[in-house]
């Protein structure tokens, strides 16, 4: 029992520290719902708050410049998806704002960026490593197909269940290892996807409750986000995880190549 509670405490602490950006966004949503700042629309205020917190994360050393690059990629990917989904009527941002593009407030990209922030932070804090990660030529097309399906299913068949089957086939041997205190633990990669997707679904319910956005069935009042959205977040988490993992691999190869070149130069000298 002592070991269990020691590991649980350490894991909870590291997870909480990894969730600073998402927690800040939820806190800002709740506070801005209760307190109105004169002269500035709520969505614009949220954008300024997110920008300020992002600067704080970098200046304080809580995030690295490399992690900021990854987060920026997620911000752009998420914003593109938001613009398309709002255009298709999947959800809406009913409040007025100066910082809206095609009906989407710019702060919304930070909600996707906060997922990337969590992944990057947890990867570093828990010393994450992957075993039996599939080859690049399989992983990247799968991630691209999952992302594109969020757009194409409005026009052709929704192939999410085909993609889900492909995920379990491709990752059935893959494990994610992480360090809790001084112990090395692991879980199957698909299970990690499911758990993260489930907790994002919970976060989505909190966000819609505070008016971050609104689904059509919530126009008359807040309702629980449909359970089917868990599958959407499961797939989006996979895209996020693939991007972070592939970028980590690219960085490792570049660092390895740089070290090799330095060794060769030293030997020649």
C-alpha atoms as a PDB file:
ATOM      1  CA  UNK A   1       0.000   0.000   0.000  1.00  0.00           C
ATOM      2  CA  UNK A   2       2.866   2.373   0.758  1.00  0.00           C
ATOM      3  CA  UNK A   3       4.306   1.741  -2.691  1.00  0.00           C
ATOM      4  CA  UNK A   4       0.898   2.274  -4.331  1.00  0.00           C
ATOM      5  CA  UNK A   5       0.264   5.611  -2.612  1.00  0.00           C
ATOM      6  CA  UNK A   6       3.844   6.765  -3.235  1.00  0.00           C
ATOM      7  CA  UNK A   7       3.511   6.066  -6.953  1.00  0.00           C
ATOM      8  CA  UNK A   8       0.012   7.535  -7.077  1.00  0.00           C
ATOM      9  CA  UNK A   9       1.142  10.743  -5.380  1.00  0.00           C
ATOM     10  CA  UNK A  10       4.148  11.152  -7.659  1.00  0.00           C
ATOM     11  CA  UNK A  11       2.164  10.367 -10.810  1.00  0.00           C
ATOM     12  CA  UNK A  12      -0.668  12.735  -9.817  1.00  0.00           C
ATOM     13  CA  UNK A  13       1.792  15.537  -9.122  1.00  0.00           C
ATOM     14  CA  UNK A  14       3.567  15.141 -12.462  1.00  0.00           C
ATOM     15  CA  UNK A  15       0.239  14.924 -14.314  1.00  0.00           C
ATOM     16  CA  UNK A  16      -1.007  18.057 -12.546  1.00  0.00           C
ATOM     17  CA  UNK A  17       2.142  19.963 -13.502  1.00  0.00           C
ATOM     18  CA  UNK A  18       1.748  18.742 -17.087  1.00  0.00           C
ATOM     19  CA  UNK A  19      -1.829  20.081 -17.156  1.00  0.00           C
ATOM     20  CA  UNK A  20      -0.997  23.671 -16.199  1.00  0.00           C
ATOM     21  CA  UNK A  21      -2.055  25.113 -19.558  1.00  0.00           C
ATOM     22  CA  UNK A  22      -5.394  23.214 -19.755  1.00  0.00           C
ATOM     23  CA  UNK A  23      -6.168  24.101 -16.116  1.00  0.00           C
ATOM     24  CA  UNK A  24      -5.400  27.756 -16.823  1.00  0.00           C
ATOM     25  CA  UNK A  25      -7.770  27.728 -19.811  1.00  0.00           C
ATOM     26  CA  UNK A  26     -10.574  26.145 -17.749  1.00  0.00           C
ATOM     27  CA  UNK A  27     -10.000  28.657 -14.977  1.00  0.00           C
ATOM     28  CA  UNK A  28     -10.121  31.525 -17.478  1.00  0.00           C
ATOM     29  CA  UNK A  29     -13.336  30.173 -19.003  1.00  0.00           C
ATOM     30  CA  UNK A  30     -14.986  29.939 -15.595  1.00  0.00           C
ATOM     31  CA  UNK A  31     -13.780  33.341 -14.379  1.00  0.00           C
ATOM     32  CA  UNK A  32     -14.698  35.142 -17.625  1.00  0.00           C
ATOM     33  CA  UNK A  33     -18.156  33.573 -17.435  1.00  0.00           C
ATOM     34  CA  UNK A  34     -18.715  35.038 -13.989  1.00  0.00           C
ATOM     35  CA  UNK A  35     -16.843  38.352 -14.288  1.00  0.00           C
ATOM     36  CA  UNK A  36     -17.255  40.677 -17.261  1.00  0.00           C
ATOM     37  CA  UNK A  37     -14.410  43.069 -18.135  1.00  0.00           C
ATOM     38  CA  UNK A  38     -15.850  46.320 -19.542  1.00  0.00           C
ATOM     39  CA  UNK A  39     -14.764  47.275 -23.064  1.00  0.00           C
ATOM     40  CA  UNK A  40     -13.386  43.901 -24.157  1.00  0.00           C
ATOM     41  CA  UNK A  41     -15.405  40.941 -25.496  1.00  0.00           C
ATOM     42  CA  UNK A  42     -14.976  37.695 -23.619  1.00  0.00           C
ATOM     43  CA  UNK A  43     -13.356  35.752 -26.471  1.00  0.00           C
ATOM     44  CA  UNK A  44     -10.802  38.538 -26.986  1.00  0.00           C
ATOM     45  CA  UNK A  45     -10.023  38.552 -23.280  1.00  0.00           C
ATOM     46  CA  UNK A  46      -9.467  34.777 -23.399  1.00  0.00           C
ATOM     47  CA  UNK A  47      -7.050  35.219 -26.317  1.00  0.00           C
ATOM     48  CA  UNK A  48      -5.026  37.819 -24.395  1.00  0.00           C
ATOM     49  CA  UNK A  49      -4.970  35.635 -21.289  1.00  0.00           C
ATOM     50  CA  UNK A  50      -3.789  32.595 -23.278  1.00  0.00           C
ATOM     51  CA  UNK A  51      -1.045  34.628 -24.967  1.00  0.00           C
ATOM     52  CA  UNK A  52       0.095  35.998 -21.601  1.00  0.00           C
ATOM     53  CA  UNK A  53       0.171  32.536 -20.032  1.00  0.00           C
ATOM     54  CA  UNK A  54       2.078  31.120 -23.006  1.00  0.00           C
ATOM     55  CA  UNK A  55       4.723  33.826 -22.553  1.00  0.00           C
ATOM     56  CA  UNK A  56       4.850  33.016 -18.833  1.00  0.00           C
ATOM     57  CA  UNK A  57       5.358  29.299 -19.569  1.00  0.00           C
ATOM     58  CA  UNK A  58       8.368  30.084 -21.768  1.00  0.00           C
ATOM     59  CA  UNK A  59       9.907  32.795 -19.582  1.00  0.00           C
ATOM     60  CA  UNK A  60       9.586  30.667 -16.441  1.00  0.00           C
ATOM     61  CA  UNK A  61      11.190  27.633 -18.098  1.00  0.00           C
ATOM     62  CA  UNK A  62       8.089  25.488 -17.662  1.00  0.00           C
ATOM     63  CA  UNK A  63       8.112  24.994 -21.440  1.00  0.00           C
ATOM     64  CA  UNK A  64      11.075  24.868 -23.791  1.00  0.00           C
ATOM     65  CA  UNK A  65      11.394  26.622 -27.148  1.00  0.00           C
ATOM     66  CA  UNK A  66      11.199  23.248 -28.912  1.00  0.00           C
ATOM     67  CA  UNK A  67       7.924  22.519 -27.117  1.00  0.00           C
ATOM     68  CA  UNK A  68       6.633  25.939 -28.167  1.00  0.00           C
ATOM     69  CA  UNK A  69       7.250  24.990 -31.803  1.00  0.00           C
ATOM     70  CA  UNK A  70       5.175  21.825 -31.374  1.00  0.00           C
ATOM     71  CA  UNK A  71       2.421  23.762 -29.630  1.00  0.00           C
ATOM     72  CA  UNK A  72       2.337  26.307 -32.480  1.00  0.00           C
ATOM     73  CA  UNK A  73       1.849  23.493 -34.993  1.00  0.00           C
ATOM     74  CA  UNK A  74      -1.104  22.217 -32.966  1.00  0.00           C
ATOM     75  CA  UNK A  75      -2.555  25.712 -32.741  1.00  0.00           C
ATOM     76  CA  UNK A  76      -2.582  26.023 -36.548  1.00  0.00           C
ATOM     77  CA  UNK A  77      -3.925  22.495 -37.102  1.00  0.00           C
ATOM     78  CA  UNK A  78      -6.660  23.035 -34.523  1.00  0.00           C
ATOM     79  CA  UNK A  79      -7.632  26.436 -35.892  1.00  0.00           C
ATOM     80  CA  UNK A  80      -7.991  25.023 -39.422  1.00  0.00           C
ATOM     81  CA  UNK A  81     -10.233  22.245 -38.099  1.00  0.00           C
ATOM     82  CA  UNK A  82     -12.294  24.725 -36.071  1.00  0.00           C
ATOM     83  CA  UNK A  83     -12.912  26.987 -39.073  1.00  0.00           C
ATOM     84  CA  UNK A  84     -14.103  24.050 -41.158  1.00  0.00           C
ATOM     85  CA  UNK A  85     -16.309  22.539 -38.443  1.00  0.00           C
ATOM     86  CA  UNK A  86     -17.972  25.853 -37.603  1.00  0.00           C
ATOM     87  CA  UNK A  87     -18.607  26.406 -41.316  1.00  0.00           C
ATOM     88  CA  UNK A  88     -20.267  22.968 -41.500  1.00  0.00           C
ATOM     89  CA  UNK A  89     -22.435  23.721 -38.454  1.00  0.00           C
ATOM     90  CA  UNK A  90     -20.885  21.082 -36.181  1.00  0.00           C
ATOM     91  CA  UNK A  91     -20.662  23.657 -33.380  1.00  0.00           C
ATOM     92  CA  UNK A  92     -20.578  27.422 -32.977  1.00  0.00           C
ATOM     93  CA  UNK A  93     -19.081  30.322 -31.032  1.00  0.00           C
ATOM     94  CA  UNK A  94     -22.137  32.489 -30.349  1.00  0.00           C
ATOM     95  CA  UNK A  95     -20.467  35.457 -28.648  1.00  0.00           C
ATOM     96  CA  UNK A  96     -19.149  38.505 -30.521  1.00  0.00           C
ATOM     97  CA  UNK A  97     -15.403  39.189 -30.717  1.00  0.00           C
ATOM     98  CA  UNK A  98     -12.873  41.222 -32.686  1.00  0.00           C
ATOM     99  CA  UNK A  99     -10.494  38.267 -32.917  1.00  0.00           C
ATOM    100  CA  UNK A 100     -12.824  36.025 -34.904  1.00  0.00           C
ATOM    101  CA  UNK A 101     -11.822  34.513 -38.258  1.00  0.00           C
ATOM    102  CA  UNK A 102     -14.688  32.968 -40.247  1.00  0.00           C
ATOM    103  CA  UNK A 103     -16.732  32.756 -37.062  1.00  0.00           C
ATOM    104  CA  UNK A 104     -13.939  31.175 -34.989  1.00  0.00           C
ATOM    105  CA  UNK A 105     -12.203  33.115 -32.176  1.00  0.00           C
ATOM    106  CA  UNK A 106      -8.427  32.788 -32.245  1.00  0.00           C
ATOM    107  CA  UNK A 107      -8.301  31.667 -28.627  1.00  0.00           C
ATOM    108  CA  UNK A 108      -9.832  28.330 -29.725  1.00  0.00           C
ATOM    109  CA  UNK A 109      -6.499  27.256 -31.192  1.00  0.00           C
ATOM    110  CA  UNK A 110      -5.050  27.367 -27.699  1.00  0.00           C
ATOM    111  CA  UNK A 111      -7.432  24.619 -26.601  1.00  0.00           C
ATOM    112  CA  UNK A 112      -5.747  22.295 -29.100  1.00  0.00           C
ATOM    113  CA  UNK A 113      -2.377  23.755 -28.172  1.00  0.00           C
ATOM    114  CA  UNK A 114      -3.079  22.901 -24.520  1.00  0.00           C
ATOM    115  CA  UNK A 115      -3.374  19.226 -25.518  1.00  0.00           C
ATOM    116  CA  UNK A 116       0.058  19.491 -27.146  1.00  0.00           C
ATOM    117  CA  UNK A 117       1.369  21.280 -24.064  1.00  0.00           C
ATOM    118  CA  UNK A 118       0.156  18.411 -21.877  1.00  0.00           C
ATOM    119  CA  UNK A 119       1.739  15.769 -24.139  1.00  0.00           C
ATOM    120  CA  UNK A 120       5.080  17.582 -24.282  1.00  0.00           C
ATOM    121  CA  UNK A 121       5.149  18.239 -20.548  1.00  0.00           C
ATOM    122  CA  UNK A 122       4.143  14.692 -19.615  1.00  0.00           C
ATOM    123  CA  UNK A 123       6.666  13.268 -22.093  1.00  0.00           C
ATOM    124  CA  UNK A 124       9.480  15.162 -20.396  1.00  0.00           C
ATOM    125  CA  UNK A 125       8.330  14.930 -16.776  1.00  0.00           C
ATOM    126  CA  UNK A 126       7.546  11.198 -16.915  1.00  0.00           C
ATOM    127  CA  UNK A 127      10.550  10.386 -19.092  1.00  0.00           C
ATOM    128  CA  UNK A 128       8.339   8.754 -21.725  1.00  0.00           C
ATOM    129  CA  UNK A 129       9.807   6.320 -24.235  1.00  0.00           C
ATOM    130  CA  UNK A 130       8.222   4.056 -26.839  1.00  0.00           C
ATOM    131  CA  UNK A 131       8.803   0.406 -27.623  1.00  0.00           C
ATOM    132  CA  UNK A 132       7.899  -1.253 -30.946  1.00  0.00           C
ATOM    133  CA  UNK A 133       6.764   2.040 -32.433  1.00  0.00           C
ATOM    134  CA  UNK A 134       5.612   1.376 -36.027  1.00  0.00           C
ATOM    135  CA  UNK A 135       7.668   2.556 -38.972  1.00  0.00           C
ATOM    136  CA  UNK A 136       7.426   6.131 -40.190  1.00  0.00           C
ATOM    137  CA  UNK A 137       5.947   5.097 -43.551  1.00  0.00           C
ATOM    138  CA  UNK A 138       2.965   3.500 -41.794  1.00  0.00           C
ATOM    139  CA  UNK A 139       2.407   5.940 -38.927  1.00  0.00           C
ATOM    140  CA  UNK A 140       2.441   9.205 -40.889  1.00  0.00           C
ATOM    141  CA  UNK A 141      -0.142   8.166 -43.548  1.00  0.00           C
ATOM    142  CA  UNK A 142      -2.419   6.822 -40.806  1.00  0.00           C
ATOM    143  CA  UNK A 143      -2.210  10.094 -38.877  1.00  0.00           C
ATOM    144  CA  UNK A 144      -2.907  12.066 -42.067  1.00  0.00           C
ATOM    145  CA  UNK A 145      -5.894   9.836 -42.921  1.00  0.00           C
ATOM    146  CA  UNK A 146      -7.366  10.320 -39.429  1.00  0.00           C
ATOM    147  CA  UNK A 147      -7.023  14.109 -39.647  1.00  0.00           C
ATOM    148  CA  UNK A 148      -8.461  14.258 -43.184  1.00  0.00           C
ATOM    149  CA  UNK A 149     -11.433  12.105 -42.147  1.00  0.00           C
ATOM    150  CA  UNK A 150     -12.555  14.918 -39.825  1.00  0.00           C
ATOM    151  CA  UNK A 151     -13.074  16.948 -43.018  1.00  0.00           C
ATOM    152  CA  UNK A 152     -14.066  14.369 -45.636  1.00  0.00           C
ATOM    153  CA  UNK A 153     -16.765  12.574 -43.618  1.00  0.00           C
ATOM    154  CA  UNK A 154     -19.042  15.528 -44.320  1.00  0.00           C
ATOM    155  CA  UNK A 155     -18.948  14.638 -48.024  1.00  0.00           C
ATOM    156  CA  UNK A 156     -18.199  10.899 -48.234  1.00  0.00           C
ATOM    157  CA  UNK A 157     -18.307   7.916 -45.893  1.00  0.00           C
ATOM    158  CA  UNK A 158     -17.083   8.313 -42.332  1.00  0.00           C
ATOM    159  CA  UNK A 159     -14.315   5.729 -42.062  1.00  0.00           C
ATOM    160  CA  UNK A 160     -13.464   6.298 -38.390  1.00  0.00           C
ATOM    161  CA  UNK A 161     -14.154   2.660 -37.481  1.00  0.00           C
ATOM    162  CA  UNK A 162     -11.927   1.450 -40.313  1.00  0.00           C
ATOM    163  CA  UNK A 163      -9.233   3.789 -39.037  1.00  0.00           C
ATOM    164  CA  UNK A 164      -9.796   2.583 -35.468  1.00  0.00           C
ATOM    165  CA  UNK A 165      -9.293  -1.020 -36.597  1.00  0.00           C
ATOM    166  CA  UNK A 166      -6.105   0.046 -38.408  1.00  0.00           C
ATOM    167  CA  UNK A 167      -4.884   1.729 -35.215  1.00  0.00           C
ATOM    168  CA  UNK A 168      -5.202  -1.447 -33.141  1.00  0.00           C
ATOM    169  CA  UNK A 169      -3.554  -3.513 -35.886  1.00  0.00           C
ATOM    170  CA  UNK A 170      -0.648  -1.099 -36.243  1.00  0.00           C
ATOM    171  CA  UNK A 171      -0.055  -0.402 -32.548  1.00  0.00           C
ATOM    172  CA  UNK A 172      -0.966  -3.752 -30.975  1.00  0.00           C
ATOM    173  CA  UNK A 173       2.685  -4.428 -30.049  1.00  0.00           C
ATOM    174  CA  UNK A 174       3.535  -0.857 -29.090  1.00  0.00           C
ATOM    175  CA  UNK A 175       4.144   0.120 -25.487  1.00  0.00           C
ATOM    176  CA  UNK A 176       4.608   3.484 -23.829  1.00  0.00           C
ATOM    177  CA  UNK A 177       7.073   3.436 -20.914  1.00  0.00           C
ATOM    178  CA  UNK A 178       7.066   6.133 -18.256  1.00  0.00           C
ATOM    179  CA  UNK A 179       8.917   6.751 -14.999  1.00  0.00           C
ATOM    180  CA  UNK A 180       6.991   7.240 -11.766  1.00  0.00           C
ATOM    181  CA  UNK A 181       9.297   8.197  -8.929  1.00  0.00           C
ATOM    182  CA  UNK A 182      12.136   5.686  -9.385  1.00  0.00           C
ATOM    183  CA  UNK A 183      10.102   2.947 -11.085  1.00  0.00           C
ATOM    184  CA  UNK A 184       9.643   2.262 -14.778  1.00  0.00           C
ATOM    185  CA  UNK A 185       6.065   1.371 -15.737  1.00  0.00           C
ATOM    186  CA  UNK A 186       4.327   0.767 -19.052  1.00  0.00           C
ATOM    187  CA  UNK A 187       0.952   0.463 -20.739  1.00  0.00           C
ATOM    188  CA  UNK A 188      -0.196  -0.458 -24.264  1.00  0.00           C
ATOM    189  CA  UNK A 189      -0.157   2.576 -26.564  1.00  0.00           C
ATOM    190  CA  UNK A 190      -3.862   2.201 -27.590  1.00  0.00           C
ATOM    191  CA  UNK A 191      -4.849   2.253 -23.901  1.00  0.00           C
ATOM    192  CA  UNK A 192      -2.953   5.523 -23.464  1.00  0.00           C
ATOM    193  CA  UNK A 193      -4.887   6.958 -26.438  1.00  0.00           C
ATOM    194  CA  UNK A 194      -8.221   5.894 -24.930  1.00  0.00           C
ATOM    195  CA  UNK A 195      -7.468   7.279 -21.467  1.00  0.00           C
ATOM    196  CA  UNK A 196      -6.321  10.666 -22.778  1.00  0.00           C
ATOM    197  CA  UNK A 197      -9.326  10.851 -25.127  1.00  0.00           C
ATOM    198  CA  UNK A 198     -11.717  10.071 -22.254  1.00  0.00           C
ATOM    199  CA  UNK A 199     -10.293  12.785 -20.015  1.00  0.00           C
ATOM    200  CA  UNK A 200     -10.422  15.299 -22.883  1.00  0.00           C
ATOM    201  CA  UNK A 201     -14.117  14.410 -23.298  1.00  0.00           C
ATOM    202  CA  UNK A 202     -14.618  15.243 -19.621  1.00  0.00           C
ATOM    203  CA  UNK A 203     -12.758  18.508 -20.184  1.00  0.00           C
ATOM    204  CA  UNK A 204     -14.982  19.204 -23.198  1.00  0.00           C
ATOM    205  CA  UNK A 205     -18.070  18.947 -20.997  1.00  0.00           C
ATOM    206  CA  UNK A 206     -16.541  21.479 -18.612  1.00  0.00           C
ATOM    207  CA  UNK A 207     -15.597  23.792 -21.493  1.00  0.00           C
ATOM    208  CA  UNK A 208     -19.061  23.748 -23.082  1.00  0.00           C
ATOM    209  CA  UNK A 209     -20.650  24.282 -19.662  1.00  0.00           C
ATOM    210  CA  UNK A 210     -18.668  27.528 -19.386  1.00  0.00           C
ATOM    211  CA  UNK A 211     -19.578  28.545 -22.932  1.00  0.00           C
ATOM    212  CA  UNK A 212     -16.260  27.930 -24.702  1.00  0.00           C
ATOM    213  CA  UNK A 213     -18.318  26.773 -27.674  1.00  0.00           C
ATOM    214  CA  UNK A 214     -21.760  25.307 -28.234  1.00  0.00           C
ATOM    215  CA  UNK A 215     -23.057  22.176 -29.972  1.00  0.00           C
ATOM    216  CA  UNK A 216     -26.408  22.368 -31.807  1.00  0.00           C
ATOM    217  CA  UNK A 217     -28.154  20.309 -29.109  1.00  0.00           C
ATOM    218  CA  UNK A 218     -26.965  22.831 -26.496  1.00  0.00           C
ATOM    219  CA  UNK A 219     -28.655  25.865 -28.072  1.00  0.00           C
ATOM    220  CA  UNK A 220     -31.603  25.609 -25.659  1.00  0.00           C
ATOM    221  CA  UNK A 221     -29.385  24.949 -22.662  1.00  0.00           C
ATOM    222  CA  UNK A 222     -26.320  22.971 -21.663  1.00  0.00           C
ATOM    223  CA  UNK A 223     -26.439  19.193 -22.071  1.00  0.00           C
ATOM    224  CA  UNK A 224     -23.838  16.487 -21.609  1.00  0.00           C
ATOM    225  CA  UNK A 225     -21.642  16.115 -24.689  1.00  0.00           C
ATOM    226  CA  UNK A 226     -22.640  12.931 -26.519  1.00  0.00           C
ATOM    227  CA  UNK A 227     -20.543   9.867 -25.690  1.00  0.00           C
ATOM    228  CA  UNK A 228     -19.781   9.387 -29.397  1.00  0.00           C
ATOM    229  CA  UNK A 229     -17.427  12.375 -29.107  1.00  0.00           C
ATOM    230  CA  UNK A 230     -15.040  10.143 -27.138  1.00  0.00           C
ATOM    231  CA  UNK A 231     -14.233   8.328 -30.395  1.00  0.00           C
ATOM    232  CA  UNK A 232     -13.498  11.689 -32.048  1.00  0.00           C
ATOM    233  CA  UNK A 233     -11.149  12.695 -29.251  1.00  0.00           C
ATOM    234  CA  UNK A 234      -9.582   9.221 -29.292  1.00  0.00           C
ATOM    235  CA  UNK A 235      -8.711   9.735 -32.964  1.00  0.00           C
ATOM    236  CA  UNK A 236      -7.554  13.319 -32.462  1.00  0.00           C
ATOM    237  CA  UNK A 237      -5.327  12.249 -29.570  1.00  0.00           C
ATOM    238  CA  UNK A 238      -3.712   9.701 -31.877  1.00  0.00           C
ATOM    239  CA  UNK A 239      -2.927  12.426 -34.421  1.00  0.00           C
ATOM    240  CA  UNK A 240      -1.484  14.538 -31.596  1.00  0.00           C
ATOM    241  CA  UNK A 241       0.540  11.656 -30.183  1.00  0.00           C
ATOM    242  CA  UNK A 242       1.887  10.737 -33.623  1.00  0.00           C
ATOM    243  CA  UNK A 243       3.013  14.314 -34.307  1.00  0.00           C
ATOM    244  CA  UNK A 244       4.797  14.594 -30.954  1.00  0.00           C
ATOM    245  CA  UNK A 245       6.380  11.126 -31.249  1.00  0.00           C
ATOM    246  CA  UNK A 246       7.578  11.676 -34.827  1.00  0.00           C
ATOM    247  CA  UNK A 247       9.020  15.092 -33.974  1.00  0.00           C
ATOM    248  CA  UNK A 248      10.819  13.522 -31.003  1.00  0.00           C
ATOM    249  CA  UNK A 249      12.296  10.887 -33.326  1.00  0.00           C
ATOM    250  CA  UNK A 250      13.391  13.539 -35.827  1.00  0.00           C
ATOM    251  CA  UNK A 251      15.084  15.508 -33.037  1.00  0.00           C
ATOM    252  CA  UNK A 252      16.847  12.371 -31.761  1.00  0.00           C
ATOM    253  CA  UNK A 253      18.168  11.627 -35.259  1.00  0.00           C
ATOM    254  CA  UNK A 254      19.373  15.203 -35.691  1.00  0.00           C
ATOM    255  CA  UNK A 255      21.078  15.191 -32.282  1.00  0.00           C
ATOM    256  CA  UNK A 256      22.655  11.813 -33.059  1.00  0.00           C
ATOM    257  CA  UNK A 257      23.872  13.022 -36.440  1.00  0.00           C
ATOM    258  CA  UNK A 258      25.293  16.192 -34.880  1.00  0.00           C
ATOM    259  CA  UNK A 259      27.121  14.163 -32.219  1.00  0.00           C
ATOM    260  CA  UNK A 260      28.500  11.846 -34.893  1.00  0.00           C
ATOM    261  CA  UNK A 261      29.747  14.786 -36.983  1.00  0.00           C
ATOM    262  CA  UNK A 262      31.422  16.311 -33.919  1.00  0.00           C
ATOM    263  CA  UNK A 263      33.129  12.995 -33.190  1.00  0.00           C
ATOM    264  CA  UNK A 264      34.387  12.720 -36.758  1.00  0.00           C
ATOM    265  CA  UNK A 265      35.743  16.288 -36.684  1.00  0.00           C
ATOM    266  CA  UNK A 266      37.467  15.630 -33.357  1.00  0.00           C
ATOM    267  CA  UNK A 267      39.050  12.449 -34.729  1.00  0.00           C
ATOM    268  CA  UNK A 268      40.281  14.308 -37.828  1.00  0.00           C
ATOM    269  CA  UNK A 269      41.763  17.051 -35.674  1.00  0.00           C
END
